[in-house]
Amino acid sequence: MTDGGREPADLIRAAGALVWRGSPDAPEVALVHRPAYDDWSFPKGKLKRGEHPVAAALREVTEETGLTVELGRSLPSSRYIHRGRPKRVDHWVARMVAEGPFTAGDEVDEVVWLPVEEAGRRLSYGADAELLRAFGTLSPATTPLVLVRHALAGNRREWKGDDDERPLDKNGRRQAGTLAAVLGAFAPAELVSSPSERCVRTLQPYAERSGLPVRLEPALSESRYDPGACLRLAEDALASGRSVALCSHGKILPELISGIEGLAGGGSVRLGSGGAGDGRPGGCLGEGKLRKGAFMVLHHAGGHVVAADAYPT
């Protein structure tokens, strides 16, 4: 969880994941051995310059273990002082989807899969044991519903044409590129968008990368907004058991999220809830709304939302 404040200028950022496989009721988790420290921990590492923490988590897991994973809900961040500087490590639950070759190296020389109880005895640090306990509070098998607010599209008042045709600006195109790099972490099988140009173009780079079409739904647009139809789209996504990404507008998403909260039975989802990976400093929530280009991942199981994480691009 975030503290809502600005991070120190000299903060070291890192990211990683608690990777699981097998039955959600009796999962095995992956631990790595680092010969330089002779310790056992979860795969993680420092962000590269300009790298999104979600992308860093995927990269570090693959580099250290050879595994390909999909991310689930966030886990608590670890914060400590490293060589005189503050350090923050963001973590996620991650499901193994493919096991590639592992090559022992100077950073990691062994990867083991252990049942949760045995992993707790093997871990070298109390902070990692806390992560394992947080992992065990919910089933690891969740499905993401990704709600995206369109990227930056200039000033509405300065645009002379039809507002539905207002394009992304330079910063918006950068945000869409970042989204394309991180959305795959949640493996959406379907992309749904308001027909507005700025929404479609926000999803387009990922659509091209994944080979998925963007389905247009007028109910998600400002000009033809239909609250009931929007909620049915979300309800269908929750019931489908598939990862779905919906792109819409800042005036629509808060009401849609409130409606989803009602579907979930109340109390399960809060717009302000943010996970370890929300990318502070700056955050992605302003005045109770997603900032432009930001996205929220609602993790659900059995039609019920159990966790929510918000991220900038």
Protein backbone atom coordinates (compact mmCIF):
# COMPACT_ATOMS: atom_id res chain seq x y z
CA MET A 1 0.00 0.00 0.00
CA THR A 2 1.12 3.54 -0.61
CA ASP A 3 1.50 6.20 2.00
CA GLY A 4 0.04 8.86 -0.29
CA GLY A 5 3.13 11.08 -0.05
CA ARG A 6 6.06 11.84 -2.29
CA GLU A 7 8.93 9.40 -2.32
CA PRO A 8 12.51 10.48 -1.46
CA ALA A 9 14.50 11.71 -4.45
CA ASP A 10 17.23 9.13 -3.80
CA LEU A 11 14.81 6.22 -3.51
CA ILE A 12 15.98 2.91 -4.99
CA ARG A 13 13.06 1.15 -6.72
CA ALA A 14 12.90 -2.60 -7.18
CA ALA A 15 10.19 -5.10 -8.09
CA GLY A 16 9.57 -8.81 -7.92
CA ALA A 17 6.96 -11.50 -7.46
CA LEU A 18 5.90 -14.44 -5.37
CA VAL A 19 5.46 -17.02 -8.10
CA TRP A 20 3.16 -20.01 -7.64
CA ARG A 21 2.16 -23.10 -9.58
CA GLY A 22 -0.12 -26.10 -9.15
CA SER A 23 -3.41 -26.20 -7.29
CA PRO A 24 -4.62 -22.92 -5.76
CA ASP A 25 -5.59 -24.94 -2.68
CA ALA A 26 -2.08 -26.37 -2.24
CA PRO A 27 0.29 -24.23 -4.31
CA GLU A 28 4.04 -24.49 -4.59
CA VAL A 29 6.05 -21.25 -4.60
CA ALA A 30 9.38 -20.47 -6.22
CA LEU A 31 12.40 -19.45 -4.14
CA VAL A 32 15.78 -18.37 -5.48
CA HIS A 33 19.20 -18.80 -3.89
CA ARG A 34 21.62 -15.89 -4.23
CA PRO A 35 25.21 -17.09 -3.82
CA ALA A 36 26.58 -13.60 -3.06
CA TYR A 37 24.44 -13.47 0.08
CA ASP A 38 23.89 -17.20 0.60
CA ASP A 39 20.20 -16.50 1.16
CA TRP A 40 16.80 -17.72 -0.02
CA SER A 41 14.21 -15.20 -1.18
CA PHE A 42 11.71 -14.40 -3.92
CA PRO A 43 12.89 -13.23 -7.38
CA LYS A 44 13.28 -9.46 -7.54
CA GLY A 45 15.62 -6.73 -8.77
CA LYS A 46 16.09 -3.04 -9.42
CA LEU A 47 14.13 -1.08 -12.01
CA LYS A 48 15.97 0.15 -15.06
CA ARG A 49 15.82 3.88 -15.77
CA GLY A 50 12.28 4.79 -16.85
CA GLU A 51 11.01 1.23 -16.43
CA HIS A 52 7.49 0.63 -15.11
CA PRO A 53 7.51 -1.51 -11.92
CA VAL A 54 5.11 -4.01 -13.51
CA ALA A 55 7.49 -4.50 -16.44
CA ALA A 56 10.43 -4.76 -14.04
CA ALA A 57 8.73 -7.49 -12.03
CA LEU A 58 8.11 -9.58 -15.15
CA ARG A 59 11.65 -9.04 -16.41
CA GLU A 60 13.31 -9.89 -13.10
CA VAL A 61 11.31 -13.08 -12.65
CA THR A 62 12.24 -14.29 -16.12
CA GLU A 63 15.90 -13.29 -15.80
CA GLU A 64 16.35 -14.99 -12.43
CA THR A 65 14.23 -18.11 -12.95
CA GLY A 66 13.50 -18.60 -16.66
CA LEU A 67 9.76 -18.51 -15.83
CA THR A 68 7.03 -16.67 -17.70
CA VAL A 69 4.30 -15.42 -15.39
CA GLU A 70 1.06 -13.46 -15.27
CA LEU A 71 0.57 -11.03 -12.42
CA GLY A 72 -2.25 -11.16 -9.91
CA ARG A 73 -2.91 -8.89 -6.96
CA SER A 74 -0.19 -6.80 -5.39
CA LEU A 75 1.45 -7.72 -2.10
CA PRO A 76 2.78 -5.27 0.52
CA SER A 77 5.84 -3.27 -0.44
CA SER A 78 9.09 -3.78 1.45
CA ARG A 79 10.90 -0.64 2.62
CA TYR A 80 14.34 -0.49 4.17
CA ILE A 81 17.68 1.33 4.03
CA HIS A 82 20.20 -0.11 1.59
CA ARG A 83 23.74 1.25 1.76
CA GLY A 84 22.52 4.50 3.23
CA ARG A 85 19.65 5.02 0.77
CA PRO A 86 15.93 4.26 1.13
CA LYS A 87 14.79 1.30 -0.94
CA ARG A 88 11.30 0.13 -1.88
CA VAL A 89 10.54 -3.27 -3.38
CA ASP A 90 7.08 -3.80 -4.93
CA HIS A 91 5.74 -7.35 -5.05
CA TRP A 92 2.94 -9.23 -6.79
CA VAL A 93 1.36 -12.63 -6.69
CA ALA A 94 2.29 -14.24 -10.02
CA ARG A 95 1.09 -17.44 -11.65
CA MET A 96 3.57 -19.46 -13.67
CA VAL A 97 2.37 -19.92 -17.25
CA ALA A 98 5.55 -21.31 -18.85
CA GLU A 99 8.81 -22.75 -17.60
CA GLY A 100 11.83 -21.90 -19.71
CA PRO A 101 15.43 -22.99 -19.26
CA PHE A 102 17.19 -21.86 -16.08
CA THR A 103 20.86 -20.97 -16.21
CA ALA A 104 22.71 -20.68 -12.91
CA GLY A 105 24.69 -17.46 -12.57
CA ASP A 106 26.36 -15.12 -10.12
CA GLU A 107 23.06 -13.56 -9.04
CA VAL A 108 20.96 -16.72 -8.75
CA ASP A 109 22.41 -20.23 -8.78
CA GLU A 110 19.38 -22.30 -7.77
CA VAL A 111 15.58 -22.19 -8.04
CA VAL A 112 13.38 -24.48 -5.96
CA TRP A 113 9.63 -25.09 -5.79
CA LEU A 114 8.33 -25.68 -2.26
CA PRO A 115 4.96 -26.02 -0.53
CA VAL A 116 4.04 -22.85 1.35
CA GLU A 117 4.85 -24.17 4.82
CA GLU A 118 8.25 -25.49 3.77
CA ALA A 119 9.01 -22.26 1.89
CA GLY A 120 8.34 -20.32 5.08
CA ARG A 121 11.01 -22.34 6.87
CA ARG A 122 13.51 -21.91 4.02
CA LEU A 123 13.20 -18.10 3.60
CA SER A 124 16.07 -16.09 5.02
CA TYR A 125 14.26 -12.84 5.86
CA GLY A 126 11.29 -11.90 8.00
CA ALA A 127 10.01 -9.48 5.35
CA ASP A 128 9.73 -12.33 2.85
CA ALA A 129 7.93 -14.45 5.45
CA GLU A 130 5.43 -11.59 5.83
CA LEU A 131 4.89 -11.65 2.05
CA LEU A 132 4.21 -15.36 2.21
CA ARG A 133 1.64 -14.81 4.96
CA ALA A 134 -0.04 -12.09 2.86
CA PHE A 135 -0.05 -14.49 -0.10
CA GLY A 136 -1.96 -17.00 1.99
CA THR A 137 -4.79 -14.65 3.00
CA LEU A 138 -6.59 -15.09 -0.35
CA SER A 139 -6.66 -17.70 -3.07
CA PRO A 140 -3.90 -16.93 -5.58
CA ALA A 141 -6.19 -17.86 -8.48
CA THR A 142 -7.85 -14.58 -9.48
CA THR A 143 -8.80 -13.10 -12.84
CA PRO A 144 -8.18 -9.43 -13.71
CA LEU A 145 -10.69 -6.90 -15.00
CA VAL A 146 -8.64 -3.92 -16.16
CA LEU A 147 -10.29 -0.48 -16.25
CA VAL A 148 -8.28 2.05 -18.27
CA ARG A 149 -8.78 5.81 -18.40
CA HIS A 150 -7.77 7.11 -21.81
CA ALA A 151 -4.34 8.73 -22.15
CA LEU A 152 -3.66 12.46 -22.43
CA ALA A 153 -5.39 14.10 -25.40
CA GLY A 154 -4.64 17.79 -25.15
CA ASN A 155 -7.02 20.49 -23.96
CA ARG A 156 -10.70 19.83 -24.58
CA ARG A 157 -11.42 23.57 -24.86
CA GLU A 158 -8.76 24.05 -27.55
CA TRP A 159 -10.05 21.23 -29.78
CA LYS A 160 -12.30 22.63 -32.53
CA GLY A 161 -13.73 19.40 -33.93
CA ASP A 162 -16.04 16.68 -32.65
CA ASP A 163 -14.81 15.79 -29.17
CA ASP A 164 -15.14 12.07 -29.94
CA GLU A 165 -12.44 12.59 -32.58
CA ARG A 166 -9.93 14.35 -30.30
CA PRO A 167 -6.61 12.48 -30.67
CA LEU A 168 -3.93 11.65 -28.17
CA ASP A 169 -1.17 14.21 -27.77
CA LYS A 170 2.54 13.43 -27.61
CA ASN A 171 2.43 12.53 -23.91
CA GLY A 172 -0.70 10.47 -24.46
CA ARG A 173 1.02 8.45 -27.17
CA ARG A 174 3.89 7.82 -24.74
CA GLN A 175 1.38 6.65 -22.12
CA ALA A 176 -0.26 4.31 -24.63
CA GLY A 177 3.16 2.86 -25.41
CA THR A 178 3.82 2.23 -21.74
CA LEU A 179 0.41 0.61 -21.37
CA ALA A 180 1.26 -1.71 -24.26
CA ALA A 181 4.38 -2.80 -22.38
CA VAL A 182 2.63 -3.56 -19.09
CA LEU A 183 -0.91 -4.67 -19.97
CA GLY A 184 0.38 -8.06 -21.01
CA ALA A 185 1.23 -8.74 -17.36
CA PHE A 186 -2.51 -9.23 -16.85
CA ALA A 187 -3.03 -11.06 -20.17
CA PRO A 188 -6.36 -9.56 -21.31
CA ALA A 189 -8.10 -11.85 -23.76
CA GLU A 190 -10.54 -9.12 -24.81
CA LEU A 191 -10.18 -5.37 -25.37
CA VAL A 192 -13.30 -3.20 -25.12
CA SER A 193 -13.32 0.56 -25.67
CA SER A 194 -15.40 3.67 -25.96
CA PRO A 195 -15.52 4.56 -29.69
CA SER A 196 -13.85 7.91 -28.90
CA GLU A 197 -10.58 8.28 -30.76
CA ARG A 198 -8.57 8.91 -27.58
CA CYS A 199 -9.83 5.70 -25.97
CA VAL A 200 -9.27 3.48 -29.00
CA ARG A 201 -5.76 4.88 -29.51
CA THR A 202 -4.93 4.24 -25.86
CA LEU A 203 -5.49 0.51 -26.39
CA GLN A 204 -4.23 0.34 -29.99
CA PRO A 205 -0.51 -0.25 -29.30
CA TYR A 206 -1.32 -3.21 -27.07
CA ALA A 207 -3.87 -4.47 -29.59
CA GLU A 208 -1.21 -4.46 -32.28
CA ARG A 209 1.29 -6.18 -30.02
CA SER A 210 -1.13 -8.88 -28.91
CA GLY A 211 -3.05 -9.35 -32.16
CA LEU A 212 -6.36 -8.68 -30.41
CA PRO A 213 -9.13 -6.53 -31.93
CA VAL A 214 -10.57 -3.57 -30.05
CA ARG A 215 -14.33 -3.97 -29.65
CA LEU A 216 -16.18 -0.66 -29.63
CA GLU A 217 -19.00 -0.13 -27.13
CA PRO A 218 -20.84 3.23 -27.43
CA ALA A 219 -22.18 2.85 -23.88
CA LEU A 220 -18.64 3.53 -22.60
CA SER A 221 -18.43 6.90 -24.40
CA GLU A 222 -19.25 10.33 -22.98
CA SER A 223 -21.62 11.18 -25.82
CA ARG A 224 -23.65 7.93 -25.62
CA TYR A 225 -23.05 6.86 -22.05
CA ASP A 226 -25.43 4.21 -20.76
CA PRO A 227 -24.85 3.35 -17.06
CA GLY A 228 -26.88 0.14 -17.21
CA ALA A 229 -25.15 -1.12 -20.35
CA CYS A 230 -21.72 -0.27 -18.89
CA LEU A 231 -22.45 -2.23 -15.75
CA ARG A 232 -23.64 -5.19 -17.82
CA LEU A 233 -20.33 -5.13 -19.69
CA ALA A 234 -18.49 -5.35 -16.38
CA GLU A 235 -20.85 -8.03 -15.09
CA ASP A 236 -20.28 -10.10 -18.23
CA ALA A 237 -16.53 -9.73 -17.80
CA LEU A 238 -16.72 -10.88 -14.17
CA ALA A 239 -18.82 -13.87 -15.15
CA SER A 240 -16.66 -14.86 -18.12
CA GLY A 241 -13.65 -16.01 -16.14
CA ARG A 242 -11.44 -14.29 -18.75
CA SER A 243 -9.17 -11.29 -18.36
CA VAL A 244 -10.82 -8.24 -19.97
CA ALA A 245 -9.64 -4.64 -20.41
CA LEU A 246 -12.19 -1.80 -20.70
CA CYS A 247 -11.13 1.73 -21.74
CA SER A 248 -13.37 4.70 -20.98
CA HIS A 249 -13.46 8.25 -19.61
CA GLY A 250 -12.84 10.01 -16.32
CA LYS A 251 -16.49 11.00 -16.01
CA ILE A 252 -17.66 7.40 -16.40
CA LEU A 253 -15.19 5.15 -14.59
CA PRO A 254 -15.97 6.24 -10.98
CA GLU A 255 -19.66 5.43 -11.44
CA LEU A 256 -18.79 2.15 -13.15
CA ILE A 257 -16.48 1.17 -10.29
CA SER A 258 -19.19 2.04 -7.76
CA GLY A 259 -21.57 -0.19 -9.69
CA ILE A 260 -19.05 -3.03 -9.68
CA GLU A 261 -18.65 -2.53 -5.94
CA GLY A 262 -22.38 -3.12 -5.63
CA LEU A 263 -22.13 -6.29 -7.72
CA ALA A 264 -19.38 -7.48 -5.42
CA GLY A 265 -21.65 -7.18 -2.42
CA GLY A 266 -20.32 -3.86 -1.13
CA GLY A 267 -17.05 -3.04 0.55
CA SER A 268 -14.80 -5.12 -1.69
CA VAL A 269 -13.65 -2.39 -4.06
CA ARG A 270 -12.61 1.18 -3.37
CA LEU A 271 -11.45 3.57 -6.06
CA GLY A 272 -8.70 4.77 -3.75
CA SER A 273 -7.33 1.32 -3.05
CA GLY A 274 -3.89 0.98 -4.50
CA GLY A 275 -1.47 -1.85 -4.55
CA ALA A 276 2.25 -2.02 -4.08
CA GLY A 277 2.73 -1.32 -7.76
CA ASP A 278 1.01 2.01 -8.11
CA GLY A 279 4.19 3.65 -9.24
CA ARG A 280 4.61 6.49 -6.76
CA PRO A 281 5.87 9.21 -6.64
CA GLY A 282 2.93 11.11 -8.03
CA GLY A 283 0.50 8.23 -7.98
CA CYS A 284 -2.37 7.73 -10.36
CA LEU A 285 -5.38 8.81 -8.34
CA GLY A 286 -6.53 12.42 -8.14
CA GLU A 287 -9.66 13.65 -6.36
CA GLY A 288 -11.00 10.11 -6.24
CA LYS A 289 -10.53 9.52 -9.97
CA LEU A 290 -8.00 7.71 -12.10
CA ARG A 291 -5.63 10.16 -13.75
CA LYS A 292 -5.47 10.15 -17.54
CA GLY A 293 -3.57 7.15 -18.81
CA ALA A 294 -3.85 5.31 -15.49
CA PHE A 295 -5.55 1.97 -15.01
CA MET A 296 -7.09 -0.06 -12.22
CA VAL A 297 -6.99 -3.83 -11.99
CA LEU A 298 -9.90 -5.49 -10.21
CA HIS A 299 -8.94 -9.02 -9.24
CA HIS A 300 -11.95 -11.31 -9.08
CA ALA A 301 -12.78 -14.93 -8.37
CA GLY A 302 -16.14 -16.62 -8.64
CA GLY A 303 -17.73 -13.37 -9.83
CA HIS A 304 -16.58 -11.45 -6.73
CA VAL A 305 -13.89 -8.76 -6.67
CA VAL A 306 -11.38 -9.54 -3.93
CA ALA A 307 -8.65 -6.94 -4.50
CA ALA A 308 -7.98 -3.76 -6.48
CA ASP A 309 -4.74 -2.11 -7.58
CA ALA A 310 -4.24 1.22 -9.37
CA TYR A 311 -1.30 2.08 -11.62
CA PRO A 312 -0.01 5.06 -13.64
CA THR A 313 1.56 4.76 -17.10
